């Protein structure tokens, strides 16, 4: 019985070690992907560095992230124009969101 308990504790420790190793490996992969994106953005003049600050580069508006933000902002303002500064009740907010979603679906040809 004692040997079985020792074995099970060792097994549980090994599983925990593997889990921590996998989490660390995944964390390093995410860090590497972010760093590669930063290096790429720097090399293509999308961003620059000024001392310890990241600043816009000459080609900042060509960044994929910038274009995605612009598109998202356009969609949000078109279909949910009164959302910013909304101070109404919950039912009004639901209506605002449902109406915007319905209009978005209609324009996308899903209705």
N, C-alpha and C. Protein backbone atom coordinates (compact mmCIF):
# COMPACT_ATOMS: atom_id res chain seq x y z
N UNK A 1 0.83 -1.19 0.00
CA UNK A 1 0.00 0.00 0.00
C UNK A 1 0.88 1.26 0.00
N UNK A 2 1.93 1.25 0.82
CA UNK A 2 2.84 2.39 0.89
C UNK A 2 3.48 2.66 -0.47
N UNK A 3 3.93 1.59 -1.15
CA UNK A 3 4.57 1.73 -2.46
C UNK A 3 3.59 2.28 -3.49
N UNK A 4 2.34 1.89 -3.41
CA UNK A 4 1.32 2.40 -4.33
C UNK A 4 1.11 3.90 -4.12
N UNK A 5 1.07 4.35 -2.86
CA UNK A 5 0.90 5.77 -2.57
C UNK A 5 2.10 6.57 -3.09
N UNK A 6 3.29 6.05 -2.88
CA UNK A 6 4.50 6.72 -3.35
C UNK A 6 4.47 6.81 -4.88
N UNK A 7 4.09 5.71 -5.52
CA UNK A 7 4.01 5.69 -6.98
C UNK A 7 2.99 6.72 -7.48
N UNK A 8 1.82 6.77 -6.86
CA UNK A 8 0.79 7.71 -7.29
C UNK A 8 1.21 9.16 -7.07
N UNK A 9 1.90 9.43 -5.95
CA UNK A 9 2.40 10.79 -5.73
C UNK A 9 3.44 11.15 -6.79
N UNK A 10 4.33 10.21 -7.07
CA UNK A 10 5.35 10.46 -8.09
C UNK A 10 4.70 10.69 -9.46
N UNK A 11 3.68 9.90 -9.75
CA UNK A 11 2.96 10.03 -11.01
C UNK A 11 2.29 11.40 -11.09
N UNK A 12 1.62 11.82 -10.02
CA UNK A 12 0.96 13.13 -9.98
C UNK A 12 1.97 14.26 -10.14
N UNK A 13 3.13 14.12 -9.50
CA UNK A 13 4.19 15.12 -9.64
C UNK A 13 4.70 15.19 -11.08
N UNK A 14 4.85 14.04 -11.70
CA UNK A 14 5.32 13.99 -13.08
C UNK A 14 4.30 14.66 -14.01
N UNK A 15 3.02 14.40 -13.80
CA UNK A 15 1.96 15.02 -14.62
C UNK A 15 2.00 16.54 -14.43
N UNK A 16 2.14 17.00 -13.21
CA UNK A 16 2.20 18.45 -12.93
C UNK A 16 3.43 19.07 -13.59
N UNK A 17 4.54 18.37 -13.56
CA UNK A 17 5.77 18.86 -14.19
C UNK A 17 5.58 18.99 -15.71
N UNK A 18 4.95 18.00 -16.31
CA UNK A 18 4.69 18.04 -17.76
C UNK A 18 3.75 19.20 -18.09
N UNK A 19 2.73 19.39 -17.26
CA UNK A 19 1.79 20.48 -17.47
C UNK A 19 2.50 21.83 -17.41
N UNK A 20 3.34 22.03 -16.40
CA UNK A 20 4.07 23.29 -16.26
C UNK A 20 5.02 23.50 -17.43
N UNK A 21 5.65 22.42 -17.88
CA UNK A 21 6.56 22.51 -19.02
C UNK A 21 5.80 22.91 -20.29
N UNK A 22 4.63 22.33 -20.50
CA UNK A 22 3.82 22.66 -21.68
C UNK A 22 3.36 24.12 -21.62
N UNK A 23 2.95 24.57 -20.43
CA UNK A 23 2.52 25.96 -20.28
C UNK A 23 3.67 26.93 -20.57
N UNK A 24 4.84 26.57 -20.09
CA UNK A 24 6.00 27.43 -20.32
C UNK A 24 6.37 27.45 -21.81
N UNK A 25 6.33 26.30 -22.44
CA UNK A 25 6.62 26.22 -23.87
C UNK A 25 5.64 27.07 -24.66
N UNK A 26 4.37 26.99 -24.33
CA UNK A 26 3.35 27.78 -25.01
C UNK A 26 3.56 29.27 -24.76
N UNK A 27 3.92 29.63 -23.56
CA UNK A 27 4.19 31.03 -23.23
C UNK A 27 5.38 31.55 -24.04
N UNK A 28 6.41 30.75 -24.17
CA UNK A 28 7.58 31.15 -24.96
C UNK A 28 7.21 31.31 -26.44
N UNK A 29 6.35 30.43 -26.94
CA UNK A 29 5.92 30.54 -28.35
C UNK A 29 5.15 31.84 -28.57
N UNK A 30 4.26 32.19 -27.63
CA UNK A 30 3.51 33.44 -27.76
C UNK A 30 4.45 34.64 -27.71
N UNK A 31 5.41 34.60 -26.79
CA UNK A 31 6.38 35.68 -26.68
C UNK A 31 7.18 35.82 -27.97
N UNK A 32 7.60 34.70 -28.52
CA UNK A 32 8.37 34.71 -29.77
C UNK A 32 7.55 35.31 -30.91
N UNK A 33 6.27 34.95 -31.00
CA UNK A 33 5.40 35.48 -32.05
C UNK A 33 5.24 36.99 -31.92
N UNK A 34 5.05 37.46 -30.70
CA UNK A 34 4.90 38.90 -30.47
C UNK A 34 6.21 39.62 -30.82
N UNK A 35 7.32 39.09 -30.38
CA UNK A 35 8.61 39.72 -30.66
C UNK A 35 8.89 39.74 -32.16
N UNK A 36 8.55 38.66 -32.87
CA UNK A 36 8.75 38.65 -34.32
C UNK A 36 7.90 39.71 -34.99
N UNK A 37 6.67 39.91 -34.52
CA UNK A 37 5.80 40.94 -35.08
C UNK A 37 6.38 42.33 -34.83
N UNK A 38 6.90 42.55 -33.63
CA UNK A 38 7.51 43.85 -33.31
C UNK A 38 8.74 44.09 -34.19
N UNK A 39 9.57 43.09 -34.34
CA UNK A 39 10.77 43.22 -35.18
C UNK A 39 10.37 43.49 -36.63
N UNK A 40 9.36 42.76 -37.11
CA UNK A 40 8.89 42.97 -38.48
C UNK A 40 8.35 44.38 -38.65
N UNK A 41 7.55 44.85 -37.69
CA UNK A 41 7.00 46.20 -37.77
C UNK A 41 8.10 47.25 -37.76
N UNK A 42 9.13 47.02 -36.98
CA UNK A 42 10.27 47.95 -36.94
C UNK A 42 11.01 47.93 -38.28
N UNK A 43 11.24 46.74 -38.81
CA UNK A 43 11.98 46.61 -40.07
C UNK A 43 11.23 47.19 -41.26
N UNK A 44 9.91 47.23 -41.20
CA UNK A 44 9.11 47.77 -42.31
C UNK A 44 8.65 49.20 -42.04
N UNK A 45 9.24 49.84 -41.04
CA UNK A 45 8.97 51.24 -40.69
C UNK A 45 7.52 51.50 -40.27
N UNK A 46 6.85 50.48 -39.76
CA UNK A 46 5.50 50.69 -39.24
C UNK A 46 5.56 51.31 -37.84
N UNK A 47 6.59 50.94 -37.09
CA UNK A 47 6.82 51.53 -35.78
C UNK A 47 8.31 51.87 -35.65
N UNK A 48 8.60 52.73 -34.70
CA UNK A 48 9.98 53.07 -34.36
C UNK A 48 10.08 53.14 -32.85
N UNK A 49 11.28 53.28 -32.38
CA UNK A 49 11.50 53.39 -30.94
C UNK A 49 12.22 54.70 -30.67
N UNK A 50 11.76 55.38 -29.65
CA UNK A 50 12.41 56.60 -29.20
C UNK A 50 12.69 56.42 -27.72
N UNK A 51 13.92 56.12 -27.42
CA UNK A 51 14.32 55.77 -26.06
C UNK A 51 13.52 54.55 -25.61
N UNK A 52 12.67 54.71 -24.62
CA UNK A 52 11.92 53.54 -24.13
C UNK A 52 10.47 53.55 -24.60
N UNK A 53 10.17 54.34 -25.63
CA UNK A 53 8.80 54.46 -26.11
C UNK A 53 8.68 53.94 -27.53
N UNK A 54 7.53 53.34 -27.82
CA UNK A 54 7.22 52.93 -29.18
C UNK A 54 6.45 54.08 -29.81
N UNK A 55 6.88 54.49 -31.00
CA UNK A 55 6.21 55.59 -31.70
C UNK A 55 5.81 55.14 -33.10
N UNK A 56 4.89 55.88 -33.70
CA UNK A 56 4.44 55.57 -35.06
C UNK A 56 5.59 55.77 -36.04
N UNK A 57 5.69 54.82 -36.94
CA UNK A 57 6.67 54.96 -38.01
C UNK A 57 6.01 55.56 -39.23
N UNK A 58 6.79 55.83 -40.28
CA UNK A 58 6.24 56.44 -41.50
C UNK A 58 5.15 55.58 -42.17
N UNK A 59 5.21 54.28 -41.96
CA UNK A 59 4.24 53.38 -42.59
C UNK A 59 3.26 52.79 -41.57
N UNK A 60 3.02 53.52 -40.49
CA UNK A 60 2.15 53.03 -39.41
C UNK A 60 0.77 52.63 -39.92
N UNK A 61 0.21 53.46 -40.79
CA UNK A 61 -1.15 53.20 -41.28
C UNK A 61 -1.23 52.00 -42.22
N UNK A 62 -0.10 51.42 -42.59
CA UNK A 62 -0.09 50.23 -43.43
C UNK A 62 -0.11 48.95 -42.60
N UNK A 63 -0.01 49.08 -41.27
CA UNK A 63 -0.02 47.89 -40.42
C UNK A 63 -1.37 47.17 -40.51
N UNK A 64 -1.32 45.87 -40.53
CA UNK A 64 -2.54 45.08 -40.57
C UNK A 64 -3.43 45.39 -39.37
N UNK A 65 -2.83 45.53 -38.21
CA UNK A 65 -3.60 45.81 -37.00
C UNK A 65 -4.30 47.16 -37.08
N UNK A 66 -3.63 48.15 -37.66
CA UNK A 66 -4.23 49.46 -37.82
C UNK A 66 -5.43 49.38 -38.75
N UNK A 67 -5.26 48.67 -39.86
CA UNK A 67 -6.37 48.53 -40.82
C UNK A 67 -7.54 47.76 -40.21
N UNK A 68 -7.25 46.73 -39.43
CA UNK A 68 -8.32 45.98 -38.76
C UNK A 68 -9.06 46.87 -37.76
N UNK A 69 -8.31 47.69 -37.04
CA UNK A 69 -8.95 48.61 -36.10
C UNK A 69 -9.84 49.60 -36.85
N UNK A 70 -9.36 50.14 -37.94
CA UNK A 70 -10.15 51.09 -38.71
C UNK A 70 -11.44 50.44 -39.22
N UNK A 71 -11.34 49.23 -39.73
CA UNK A 71 -12.52 48.53 -40.22
C UNK A 71 -13.50 48.25 -39.08
N UNK A 72 -12.98 47.77 -37.94
CA UNK A 72 -13.84 47.50 -36.79
C UNK A 72 -14.53 48.77 -36.32
N UNK A 73 -13.79 49.85 -36.29
CA UNK A 73 -14.35 51.13 -35.87
C UNK A 73 -15.45 51.58 -36.84
N UNK A 74 -15.23 51.39 -38.14
CA UNK A 74 -16.23 51.74 -39.15
C UNK A 74 -17.52 50.93 -38.94
N UNK A 75 -17.37 49.62 -38.77
CA UNK A 75 -18.55 48.75 -38.57
C UNK A 75 -19.28 49.14 -37.30
N UNK A 76 -18.55 49.38 -36.24
CA UNK A 76 -19.17 49.73 -34.96
C UNK A 76 -19.94 51.04 -35.07
N UNK A 77 -19.34 52.05 -35.69
CA UNK A 77 -20.01 53.35 -35.81
C UNK A 77 -21.20 53.28 -36.76
N UNK A 78 -21.14 52.42 -37.78
CA UNK A 78 -22.25 52.31 -38.73
C UNK A 78 -23.45 51.60 -38.11
N UNK A 79 -23.20 50.52 -37.38
CA UNK A 79 -24.31 49.69 -36.89
C UNK A 79 -24.69 49.97 -35.43
N UNK A 80 -23.82 50.62 -34.70
CA UNK A 80 -24.11 50.94 -33.29
C UNK A 80 -23.74 52.41 -33.02
N UNK A 81 -24.30 53.34 -33.80
CA UNK A 81 -23.84 54.72 -33.74
C UNK A 81 -24.10 55.43 -32.40
N UNK A 82 -25.09 55.00 -31.66
CA UNK A 82 -25.39 55.68 -30.40
C UNK A 82 -24.83 54.96 -29.19
N UNK A 83 -24.00 53.96 -29.42
CA UNK A 83 -23.46 53.18 -28.30
C UNK A 83 -22.54 54.02 -27.43
N UNK A 84 -21.62 54.76 -28.05
CA UNK A 84 -20.72 55.62 -27.27
C UNK A 84 -21.54 56.66 -26.53
N UNK A 85 -21.35 56.74 -25.26
CA UNK A 85 -22.07 57.71 -24.46
C UNK A 85 -23.48 57.29 -24.10
N UNK A 86 -23.85 56.06 -24.39
CA UNK A 86 -25.20 55.60 -24.07
C UNK A 86 -25.40 55.63 -22.55
N UNK A 87 -26.50 56.23 -22.12
CA UNK A 87 -26.77 56.34 -20.69
C UNK A 87 -28.17 55.83 -20.33
N UNK A 88 -28.76 55.06 -21.24
CA UNK A 88 -30.10 54.56 -20.99
C UNK A 88 -30.12 53.31 -20.13
N UNK A 89 -31.28 52.69 -20.09
CA UNK A 89 -31.45 51.49 -19.27
C UNK A 89 -31.03 50.24 -20.04
N UNK A 90 -31.08 49.11 -19.36
CA UNK A 90 -30.65 47.84 -19.92
C UNK A 90 -31.48 47.44 -21.13
N UNK A 91 -32.79 47.62 -21.05
CA UNK A 91 -33.67 47.26 -22.17
C UNK A 91 -33.35 48.09 -23.41
N UNK A 92 -33.05 49.36 -23.21
CA UNK A 92 -32.66 50.22 -24.33
C UNK A 92 -31.34 49.77 -24.94
N UNK A 93 -30.41 49.35 -24.10
CA UNK A 93 -29.13 48.86 -24.59
C UNK A 93 -29.31 47.58 -25.40
N UNK A 94 -30.15 46.68 -24.90
CA UNK A 94 -30.43 45.45 -25.65
C UNK A 94 -31.03 45.78 -27.01
N UNK A 95 -31.96 46.71 -27.05
CA UNK A 95 -32.59 47.11 -28.32
C UNK A 95 -31.55 47.69 -29.27
N UNK A 96 -30.71 48.57 -28.74
CA UNK A 96 -29.66 49.17 -29.56
C UNK A 96 -28.77 48.10 -30.18
N UNK A 97 -28.34 47.15 -29.37
CA UNK A 97 -27.46 46.09 -29.86
C UNK A 97 -28.18 45.15 -30.81
N UNK A 98 -29.40 44.76 -30.48
CA UNK A 98 -30.16 43.86 -31.36
C UNK A 98 -30.49 44.51 -32.70
N UNK A 99 -30.85 45.79 -32.68
CA UNK A 99 -31.13 46.50 -33.93
C UNK A 99 -29.88 46.59 -34.80
N UNK A 100 -28.77 46.94 -34.19
CA UNK A 100 -27.51 47.02 -34.94
C UNK A 100 -27.12 45.68 -35.53
N UNK A 101 -27.28 44.63 -34.75
CA UNK A 101 -26.96 43.28 -35.23
C UNK A 101 -27.87 42.88 -36.38
N UNK A 102 -29.17 43.19 -36.26
CA UNK A 102 -30.12 42.87 -37.32
C UNK A 102 -29.77 43.61 -38.61
N UNK A 103 -29.40 44.89 -38.50
CA UNK A 103 -29.00 45.66 -39.68
C UNK A 103 -27.73 45.11 -40.31
N UNK A 104 -26.80 44.70 -39.47
CA UNK A 104 -25.56 44.10 -39.97
C UNK A 104 -25.85 42.83 -40.74
N UNK A 105 -26.70 41.97 -40.18
CA UNK A 105 -27.07 40.73 -40.86
C UNK A 105 -27.79 41.03 -42.18
N UNK A 106 -28.67 42.03 -42.17
CA UNK A 106 -29.41 42.39 -43.40
C UNK A 106 -28.45 42.84 -44.47
N UNK A 107 -27.50 43.71 -44.11
CA UNK A 107 -26.53 44.21 -45.10
C UNK A 107 -25.62 43.11 -45.60
N UNK A 108 -25.38 42.09 -44.75
CA UNK A 108 -24.54 40.97 -45.14
C UNK A 108 -25.31 39.94 -45.97
N UNK A 109 -26.63 40.16 -46.11
CA UNK A 109 -27.46 39.26 -46.90
C UNK A 109 -27.86 38.00 -46.19
N UNK A 110 -27.91 38.03 -44.88
CA UNK A 110 -28.28 36.84 -44.11
C UNK A 110 -29.74 36.80 -43.72
N UNK A 111 -30.55 37.78 -44.13
CA UNK A 111 -31.97 37.75 -43.78
C UNK A 111 -32.82 37.58 -44.99
